[in-house]
Amino acid sequence: MDRNVFGCFLLGVGVGVGIGMLIAPEPGEQLYGRVKARTDDGMDFFKQRFSALKASAEHLVGKGKHTLRERRLDEEALDRMDGEGGPLLSTV
């Protein structure tokens, strides 16, 4: 997610909470408890999503490293075959 978009999102959340506090029909302590509970729920959601995103990124990086390692081994094998006058690069 782009930092600018995330910053705008957080600004929107802050403004929404502020307006909600101003026009809320409940006493401050009850409202504070509800806002805190919702904020905690939101933080838990973001932590879960971040963990899933991190795991996915780690998996993709590992897969890329594995592919790169295989490609290097293939290139080394071709170089050895070329040095030995292997069948793939023999002249007619």
Protein backbone atom coordinates (compact mmCIF):
# COMPACT_ATOMS: atom_id res chain seq x y z
CA MET A 1 0.00 0.00 0.00
CA ASP A 2 1.33 3.43 -0.86
CA ARG A 3 2.40 5.50 2.17
CA ASN A 4 0.35 8.47 0.97
CA VAL A 5 -2.81 6.36 0.73
CA PHE A 6 -2.21 4.87 4.18
CA GLY A 7 -1.61 8.34 5.63
CA CYS A 8 -4.86 9.59 4.12
CA PHE A 9 -6.65 6.57 5.52
CA LEU A 10 -5.34 7.26 9.04
CA LEU A 11 -6.28 10.94 8.71
CA GLY A 12 -9.80 9.92 7.69
CA VAL A 13 -10.07 7.56 10.64
CA GLY A 14 -8.95 10.33 12.99
CA VAL A 15 -11.41 12.85 11.58
CA GLY A 16 -14.21 10.29 11.75
CA VAL A 17 -13.46 9.48 15.38
CA GLY A 18 -13.31 13.17 16.24
CA ILE A 19 -16.68 13.93 14.62
CA GLY A 20 -18.19 10.86 16.22
CA MET A 21 -17.10 12.05 19.65
CA LEU A 22 -18.62 15.47 19.09
CA ILE A 23 -22.05 14.25 17.99
CA ALA A 24 -22.27 11.05 20.05
CA PRO A 25 -25.39 10.64 22.21
CA GLU A 26 -23.57 8.65 24.93
CA PRO A 27 -21.50 9.74 27.89
CA GLY A 28 -17.77 10.12 27.33
CA GLU A 29 -16.68 7.01 29.25
CA GLN A 30 -19.00 4.72 27.30
CA LEU A 31 -17.96 6.30 24.03
CA TYR A 32 -14.28 6.02 24.96
CA GLY A 33 -14.75 2.32 25.73
CA ARG A 34 -16.44 1.71 22.37
CA VAL A 35 -13.83 3.69 20.44
CA LYS A 36 -11.02 1.84 22.24
CA ALA A 37 -12.60 -1.54 21.52
CA ARG A 38 -13.04 -0.68 17.84
CA THR A 39 -9.49 0.65 17.63
CA ASP A 40 -8.15 -2.54 19.22
CA ASP A 41 -10.18 -4.61 16.75
CA GLY A 42 -8.81 -2.56 13.86
CA MET A 43 -5.23 -2.96 15.08
CA ASP A 44 -5.73 -6.73 15.39
CA PHE A 45 -7.08 -6.82 11.84
CA PHE A 46 -4.09 -4.87 10.49
CA LYS A 47 -1.64 -7.06 12.41
CA GLN A 48 -3.23 -10.20 10.95
CA ARG A 49 -3.19 -8.78 7.42
CA PHE A 50 0.42 -7.63 7.81
CA SER A 51 1.46 -11.08 9.05
CA ALA A 52 -0.26 -12.72 6.09
CA LEU A 53 1.36 -10.27 3.68
CA LYS A 54 4.78 -10.83 5.27
CA ALA A 55 4.41 -14.61 5.03
CA SER A 56 3.38 -14.32 1.38
CA ALA A 57 6.34 -12.09 0.59
CA GLU A 58 8.75 -14.45 2.37
CA HIS A 59 7.33 -17.36 0.36
CA LEU A 60 7.77 -15.49 -2.92
CA VAL A 61 11.33 -14.46 -2.03
CA GLY A 62 12.18 -18.06 -1.16
CA LYS A 63 10.67 -19.28 -4.41
CA GLY A 64 12.67 -16.68 -6.35
CA LYS A 65 15.91 -17.69 -4.62
CA HIS A 66 15.22 -21.34 -5.43
CA THR A 67 14.58 -20.53 -9.09
CA LEU A 68 17.73 -18.43 -9.29
CA ARG A 69 19.77 -21.23 -7.69
CA GLU A 70 18.39 -23.74 -10.24
CA ARG A 71 19.15 -21.41 -13.13
CA ARG A 72 22.75 -20.97 -11.96
CA LEU A 73 23.18 -24.74 -11.69
CA ASP A 74 21.80 -25.16 -15.22
CA GLU A 75 24.20 -22.53 -16.55
CA GLU A 76 27.14 -24.19 -14.79
CA ALA A 77 26.17 -27.55 -16.31
CA LEU A 78 25.98 -25.99 -19.78
CA ASP A 79 29.38 -24.33 -19.29
CA ARG A 80 30.90 -27.67 -18.28
CA MET A 81 29.36 -29.37 -21.30
CA ASP A 82 30.71 -26.61 -23.55
CA GLY A 83 34.18 -27.06 -22.09
CA GLU A 84 34.04 -30.79 -22.65
CA GLY A 85 32.81 -30.44 -26.25
CA GLY A 86 29.39 -31.77 -25.29
CA PRO A 87 26.73 -32.74 -27.80
CA LEU A 88 24.76 -29.51 -27.52
CA LEU A 89 27.48 -27.25 -28.89
CA SER A 90 29.44 -29.55 -31.20
CA THR A 91 30.31 -28.24 -34.66
CA VAL A 92 29.32 -29.98 -37.85
